[in-house]
Amino acid sequence: MWSCVPANRWRKNVVLPDAGNPIRITHSIGGAARYCHLTMTFEEWVAALEQRHLANLRLPELTRALRALSSAYVERRHTVGRGGPLDSAGKRAAFALFYAPLHFLTVTYVIQALDDAVMPPPSSVLDIGCGSGAAGAAWAVASERTPTVLGIDRHPWAVDEARWTYRMLKLKGSARQGDVTRLPRLDSGSAVMAAYVLNELSVDTRIRVLEQLFAVGAQGVRVLILEPIARAVAPWWDDAASHAAEQGGRADQWRFRASLPPLLQTLDKAAGLNHRELTVRSIWLPGRAA
């Protein structure tokens, strides 16, 4: 059921079955069932991440790093834009092993829940501030691996990790270091996403990026913006949502019930977190699909 909330935003609570395995998801929202298939299952990808990042770390070390990483995102956000969350091997491993799978799950659910709004699949997905590449990869996988993916991030570790993610998930993807304020040329069949990155930017930088995102959206490019639901994280959200509505877009707040793989459950509990429910809010500009 839909209900109107302030600033022309819409809220929809969605529960998708088989939430523990987003690589093979069936759902029936609006009567349309969609399937995502991949030779590597979600659990196998997480296992590959574990092998990659726990080779030189013990689980207690990883847990301490995850607590520090979570504190940086929640209590010391001023360090995020300066690269604080990725300033140690432990934090980088915690980001790749914990937050990347959570972001993959969440993006998959959002793309599935948006349903026909995101169809047909874009020819390519530009993932700005891509981190480990999980968000852009999730959109490509949810689109039956049709789009190519380009990840852009200023951190060299993130670029390398994104390339690994695309290879592991058998995607047509590449990643490079770059400035998120300078979008490459995009055609009307493409899409651009900013997942959990705008809240990390300075005010001036965020304004420039939003201006570009809305500009390419007006030119026919599909745009997806994702951020945590905490209002303190993104006080600029309502203005951006109103602007999206003026361009024929929509803003949603989502809650998804999730069954995490054992490793993520262990890390979640050990770090004092609780991700039995995944929450996110999104801004969607339909571009040429309008």
Protein backbone atom coordinates (compact mmCIF):
# COMPACT_ATOMS: atom_id res chain seq x y z
CA MET A 1 0.00 0.00 0.00
CA TRP A 2 1.25 3.45 -0.88
CA SER A 3 0.91 6.52 1.32
CA CYS A 4 1.92 10.11 0.77
CA VAL A 5 4.53 11.66 3.07
CA PRO A 6 5.98 15.20 3.17
CA ALA A 7 8.09 16.75 0.39
CA ASN A 8 6.32 14.78 -2.35
CA ARG A 9 7.96 11.58 -1.18
CA TRP A 10 6.35 8.18 -1.21
CA ARG A 11 6.84 5.37 1.23
CA LYS A 12 6.47 1.70 0.48
CA ASN A 13 7.30 -1.16 2.83
CA VAL A 14 8.29 -4.18 0.78
CA VAL A 15 9.03 -7.72 1.85
CA LEU A 16 10.71 -9.89 -0.76
CA PRO A 17 10.78 -13.66 -0.34
CA ASP A 18 14.05 -15.59 -0.33
CA ALA A 19 15.80 -12.52 1.08
CA GLY A 20 18.93 -14.47 1.95
CA ASN A 21 19.93 -15.05 -1.67
CA PRO A 22 19.57 -11.98 -3.90
CA ILE A 23 21.36 -13.63 -6.80
CA ARG A 24 18.28 -15.72 -7.39
CA ILE A 25 15.29 -13.65 -6.38
CA THR A 26 11.67 -14.12 -7.26
CA HIS A 27 9.19 -11.48 -6.31
CA SER A 28 5.72 -10.48 -7.34
CA ILE A 29 5.19 -6.76 -6.91
CA GLY A 30 2.53 -5.37 -9.20
CA GLY A 31 1.96 -8.85 -10.52
CA ALA A 32 5.27 -9.06 -12.39
CA ALA A 33 7.67 -11.83 -11.42
CA ARG A 34 11.32 -11.36 -12.25
CA TYR A 35 14.28 -13.69 -11.89
CA CYS A 36 18.00 -13.00 -11.50
CA HIS A 37 20.45 -15.79 -12.29
CA LEU A 38 24.19 -15.90 -11.83
CA THR A 39 26.63 -18.78 -11.85
CA MET A 40 28.07 -17.57 -8.54
CA THR A 41 25.58 -17.45 -5.67
CA PHE A 42 25.56 -14.64 -3.16
CA GLU A 43 26.93 -16.98 -0.49
CA GLU A 44 29.77 -18.01 -2.79
CA TRP A 45 30.65 -14.36 -3.38
CA VAL A 46 30.70 -13.72 0.37
CA ALA A 47 32.90 -16.81 0.80
CA ALA A 48 35.28 -15.43 -1.85
CA LEU A 49 35.34 -12.12 0.01
CA GLU A 50 36.17 -13.97 3.23
CA GLN A 51 39.04 -15.81 1.58
CA ARG A 52 40.32 -12.57 0.03
CA HIS A 53 40.17 -10.37 3.12
CA LEU A 54 40.68 -12.72 6.07
CA ALA A 55 43.93 -14.20 4.78
CA ASN A 56 45.93 -11.95 7.12
CA LEU A 57 43.28 -11.01 9.70
CA ARG A 58 41.70 -12.88 12.58
CA LEU A 59 37.97 -12.55 13.18
CA PRO A 60 38.41 -10.54 16.44
CA GLU A 61 40.61 -8.06 14.55
CA LEU A 62 38.00 -7.76 11.85
CA THR A 63 35.27 -7.19 14.44
CA ARG A 64 37.24 -4.38 16.10
CA ALA A 65 37.80 -2.81 12.70
CA LEU A 66 34.08 -3.06 11.92
CA ARG A 67 33.23 -1.28 15.17
CA ALA A 68 35.68 1.50 14.29
CA LEU A 69 34.29 1.71 10.78
CA SER A 70 30.70 1.93 12.03
CA SER A 71 31.72 4.63 14.51
CA ALA A 72 33.27 6.62 11.69
CA TYR A 73 30.02 6.49 9.73
CA VAL A 74 27.74 7.22 12.68
CA GLU A 75 29.68 9.42 15.10
CA ARG A 76 32.62 10.89 13.17
CA ARG A 77 31.26 11.55 9.71
CA HIS A 78 33.69 14.46 9.27
CA THR A 79 36.43 11.84 8.77
CA VAL A 80 34.58 10.02 6.00
CA GLY A 81 35.22 12.50 3.22
CA ARG A 82 38.95 12.44 4.02
CA GLY A 83 39.15 8.67 3.55
CA GLY A 84 39.11 7.79 7.25
CA PRO A 85 37.00 4.63 6.83
CA LEU A 86 39.61 3.10 4.52
CA ASP A 87 42.77 4.17 6.36
CA SER A 88 43.72 0.68 7.58
CA ALA A 89 43.73 -2.86 6.25
CA GLY A 90 41.24 -3.90 8.93
CA LYS A 91 38.72 -1.21 8.02
CA ARG A 92 39.07 -1.96 4.33
CA ALA A 93 38.43 -5.63 5.02
CA ALA A 94 35.43 -4.78 7.22
CA PHE A 95 33.99 -2.56 4.50
CA ALA A 96 34.45 -5.21 1.81
CA LEU A 97 33.25 -8.13 3.93
CA PHE A 98 30.33 -6.49 5.70
CA TYR A 99 29.06 -3.30 4.12
CA ALA A 100 29.61 -4.32 0.50
CA PRO A 101 27.32 -7.39 0.78
CA LEU A 102 24.73 -5.32 2.67
CA HIS A 103 24.80 -2.70 -0.08
CA PHE A 104 24.50 -5.41 -2.72
CA LEU A 105 21.45 -6.85 -0.96
CA THR A 106 19.84 -3.45 -0.50
CA VAL A 107 20.37 -2.26 -4.08
CA THR A 108 19.05 -5.56 -5.41
CA TYR A 109 15.87 -5.16 -3.38
CA VAL A 110 15.39 -1.55 -4.48
CA ILE A 111 15.82 -2.39 -8.18
CA GLN A 112 13.43 -5.32 -7.82
CA ALA A 113 10.90 -3.25 -5.89
CA LEU A 114 10.98 -0.39 -8.40
CA ASP A 115 9.86 -3.08 -10.81
CA ASP A 116 8.68 -1.76 -14.20
CA ALA A 117 10.03 1.72 -13.41
CA VAL A 118 13.55 0.50 -14.15
CA MET A 119 12.66 -1.49 -17.25
CA PRO A 120 13.99 -2.01 -19.83
CA PRO A 121 17.47 -2.39 -18.31
CA PRO A 122 19.90 0.44 -19.04
CA SER A 123 22.68 -0.16 -21.53
CA SER A 124 25.23 0.88 -18.93
CA VAL A 125 25.41 1.88 -15.27
CA LEU A 126 27.80 4.55 -14.02
CA ASP A 127 28.46 4.07 -10.30
CA ILE A 128 29.99 7.24 -8.85
CA GLY A 129 31.84 6.89 -5.56
CA CYS A 130 31.62 3.17 -6.27
CA GLY A 131 33.58 1.89 -3.27
CA SER A 132 33.97 -1.86 -3.73
CA GLY A 133 31.61 -1.82 -6.71
CA ALA A 134 28.78 -3.69 -4.96
CA ALA A 135 26.00 -1.21 -5.78
CA GLY A 136 26.63 -1.00 -9.51
CA ALA A 137 27.17 -4.76 -9.64
CA ALA A 138 23.83 -5.35 -7.93
CA TRP A 139 21.99 -3.25 -10.53
CA ALA A 140 23.69 -5.14 -13.36
CA VAL A 141 22.91 -8.53 -11.81
CA ALA A 142 19.30 -7.52 -11.15
CA SER A 143 19.11 -6.57 -14.84
CA GLU A 144 20.24 -10.07 -15.86
CA ARG A 145 23.79 -8.78 -16.42
CA THR A 146 22.69 -6.71 -19.41
CA PRO A 147 24.34 -3.36 -18.54
CA THR A 148 28.03 -2.68 -18.56
CA VAL A 149 29.25 -1.09 -15.33
CA LEU A 150 31.75 1.73 -14.85
CA GLY A 151 32.79 2.48 -11.28
CA ILE A 152 34.48 5.76 -10.38
CA ASP A 153 36.14 6.38 -7.03
CA ARG A 154 39.03 8.53 -5.87
CA HIS A 155 40.51 5.82 -3.62
CA PRO A 156 42.90 3.38 -5.37
CA TRP A 157 41.94 0.50 -3.05
CA ALA A 158 38.25 0.98 -3.94
CA VAL A 159 39.04 0.95 -7.66
CA ASP A 160 40.97 -2.30 -7.33
CA GLU A 161 38.22 -3.86 -5.21
CA ALA A 162 35.52 -2.83 -7.68
CA ARG A 163 37.42 -4.42 -10.54
CA TRP A 164 37.67 -7.64 -8.51
CA THR A 165 33.94 -7.53 -7.76
CA TYR A 166 33.04 -7.19 -11.42
CA ARG A 167 35.34 -10.07 -12.37
CA MET A 168 33.99 -12.35 -9.67
CA LEU A 169 30.39 -11.69 -10.66
CA LYS A 170 31.18 -12.14 -14.37
CA LEU A 171 30.08 -8.64 -15.29
CA LYS A 172 31.15 -6.41 -18.14
CA GLY A 173 32.66 -3.84 -15.82
CA SER A 174 35.61 -1.52 -15.30
CA ALA A 175 36.65 0.93 -12.61
CA ARG A 176 38.95 3.93 -12.53
CA GLN A 177 40.03 6.73 -10.24
CA GLY A 178 38.14 9.91 -10.91
CA ASP A 179 36.34 12.98 -9.62
CA VAL A 180 32.65 12.46 -8.89
CA THR A 181 31.97 16.09 -9.80
CA ARG A 182 32.92 15.38 -13.42
CA LEU A 183 30.52 12.91 -14.98
CA PRO A 184 31.60 11.34 -18.26
CA ARG A 185 29.37 11.68 -21.30
CA LEU A 186 26.23 9.57 -20.91
CA ASP A 187 23.68 8.60 -23.55
CA SER A 188 19.94 8.43 -22.98
CA GLY A 189 19.98 4.64 -22.67
CA SER A 190 22.36 4.68 -19.74
CA ALA A 191 21.95 5.15 -16.00
CA VAL A 192 23.96 6.71 -13.20
CA MET A 193 23.78 5.89 -9.52
CA ALA A 194 25.13 7.54 -6.38
CA ALA A 195 24.87 4.99 -3.58
CA TYR A 196 25.76 6.11 -0.06
CA VAL A 197 28.19 8.72 -1.34
CA LEU A 198 26.48 12.12 -1.41
CA ASN A 199 26.31 12.29 2.39
CA GLU A 200 30.12 11.95 2.49
CA LEU A 201 30.76 15.03 0.33
CA SER A 202 31.27 18.61 1.39
CA VAL A 203 28.28 20.90 0.90
CA ASP A 204 29.69 22.62 -2.18
CA THR A 205 30.77 19.36 -3.78
CA ARG A 206 27.42 17.71 -3.09
CA ILE A 207 25.56 20.63 -4.66
CA ARG A 208 27.66 20.35 -7.83
CA VAL A 209 27.11 16.60 -8.04
CA LEU A 210 23.35 16.91 -7.50
CA GLU A 211 23.15 19.60 -10.15
CA GLN A 212 24.86 17.28 -12.63
CA LEU A 213 22.67 14.33 -11.70
CA PHE A 214 19.50 16.33 -12.19
CA ALA A 215 20.88 17.77 -15.43
CA VAL A 216 21.59 14.35 -16.97
CA GLY A 217 18.23 13.15 -15.67
CA ALA A 218 16.54 15.94 -17.60
CA GLN A 219 18.47 14.79 -20.69
CA GLY A 220 17.04 11.28 -20.52
CA VAL A 221 19.57 9.43 -18.36
CA ARG A 222 18.09 7.35 -15.55
CA VAL A 223 19.34 8.37 -12.10
CA LEU A 224 19.22 6.46 -8.81
CA ILE A 225 20.37 8.02 -5.53
CA LEU A 226 20.52 5.92 -2.36
CA GLU A 227 21.15 7.10 1.20
CA PRO A 228 20.58 5.88 4.77
CA ILE A 229 17.21 6.81 6.20
CA ALA A 230 18.62 8.70 9.21
CA ARG A 231 17.67 12.34 8.69
CA ALA A 232 20.84 13.60 10.39
CA VAL A 233 22.94 11.90 7.71
CA ALA A 234 21.31 13.78 4.83
CA PRO A 235 19.60 17.01 5.93
CA TRP A 236 19.56 18.03 2.25
CA TRP A 237 17.30 15.12 1.29
CA ASP A 238 13.91 16.83 1.30
CA ASP A 239 15.05 19.55 -1.10
CA ALA A 240 16.52 16.97 -3.46
CA ALA A 241 13.34 14.88 -3.27
CA SER A 242 11.21 17.91 -4.11
CA HIS A 243 13.44 18.69 -7.08
CA ALA A 244 13.08 15.09 -8.26
CA ALA A 245 9.29 15.34 -8.09
CA GLU A 246 9.43 18.46 -10.25
CA GLN A 247 11.32 16.43 -12.87
CA GLY A 248 8.79 13.61 -12.84
CA GLY A 249 10.81 11.46 -10.45
CA ARG A 250 9.98 9.89 -7.13
CA ALA A 251 11.45 9.44 -3.67
CA ASP A 252 10.90 6.32 -1.58
CA GLN A 253 11.76 4.96 1.81
CA TRP A 254 12.25 1.20 1.92
CA ARG A 255 12.38 -1.49 4.57
CA PHE A 256 13.37 -5.01 3.63
CA ARG A 257 13.45 -8.06 5.86
CA ALA A 258 16.79 -9.80 5.34
CA SER A 259 18.29 -13.14 6.30
CA LEU A 260 22.04 -12.60 6.29
CA PRO A 261 24.66 -15.29 5.56
CA PRO A 262 26.34 -16.75 8.68
CA LEU A 263 29.50 -14.62 8.43
CA LEU A 264 27.51 -11.39 8.20
CA GLN A 265 25.31 -12.48 11.10
CA THR A 266 28.41 -13.14 13.19
CA LEU A 267 29.95 -9.77 12.36
CA ASP A 268 26.64 -7.98 12.87
CA LYS A 269 26.20 -9.40 16.36
CA ALA A 270 29.85 -9.05 17.39
CA ALA A 271 29.90 -5.38 16.37
CA GLY A 272 26.69 -4.65 18.27
CA LEU A 273 24.72 -3.93 15.10
CA ASN A 274 21.31 -5.16 13.94
CA HIS A 275 20.62 -5.68 10.26
CA ARG A 276 17.72 -8.09 10.40
CA GLU A 277 15.96 -5.33 8.49
CA LEU A 278 17.67 -3.34 5.74
CA THR A 279 16.54 0.25 5.34
CA VAL A 280 17.32 2.80 2.67
CA ARG A 281 15.77 5.75 0.90
CA SER A 282 16.00 6.45 -2.77
CA ILE A 283 15.48 9.12 -5.37
CA TRP A 284 14.61 7.85 -8.85
CA LEU A 285 14.63 9.89 -12.06
CA PRO A 286 13.14 7.82 -14.89
CA GLY A 287 14.98 9.54 -17.72
CA ARG A 288 13.81 8.30 -21.10
CA ALA A 289 11.37 5.91 -19.42
CA ALA A 290 9.28 8.89 -18.25
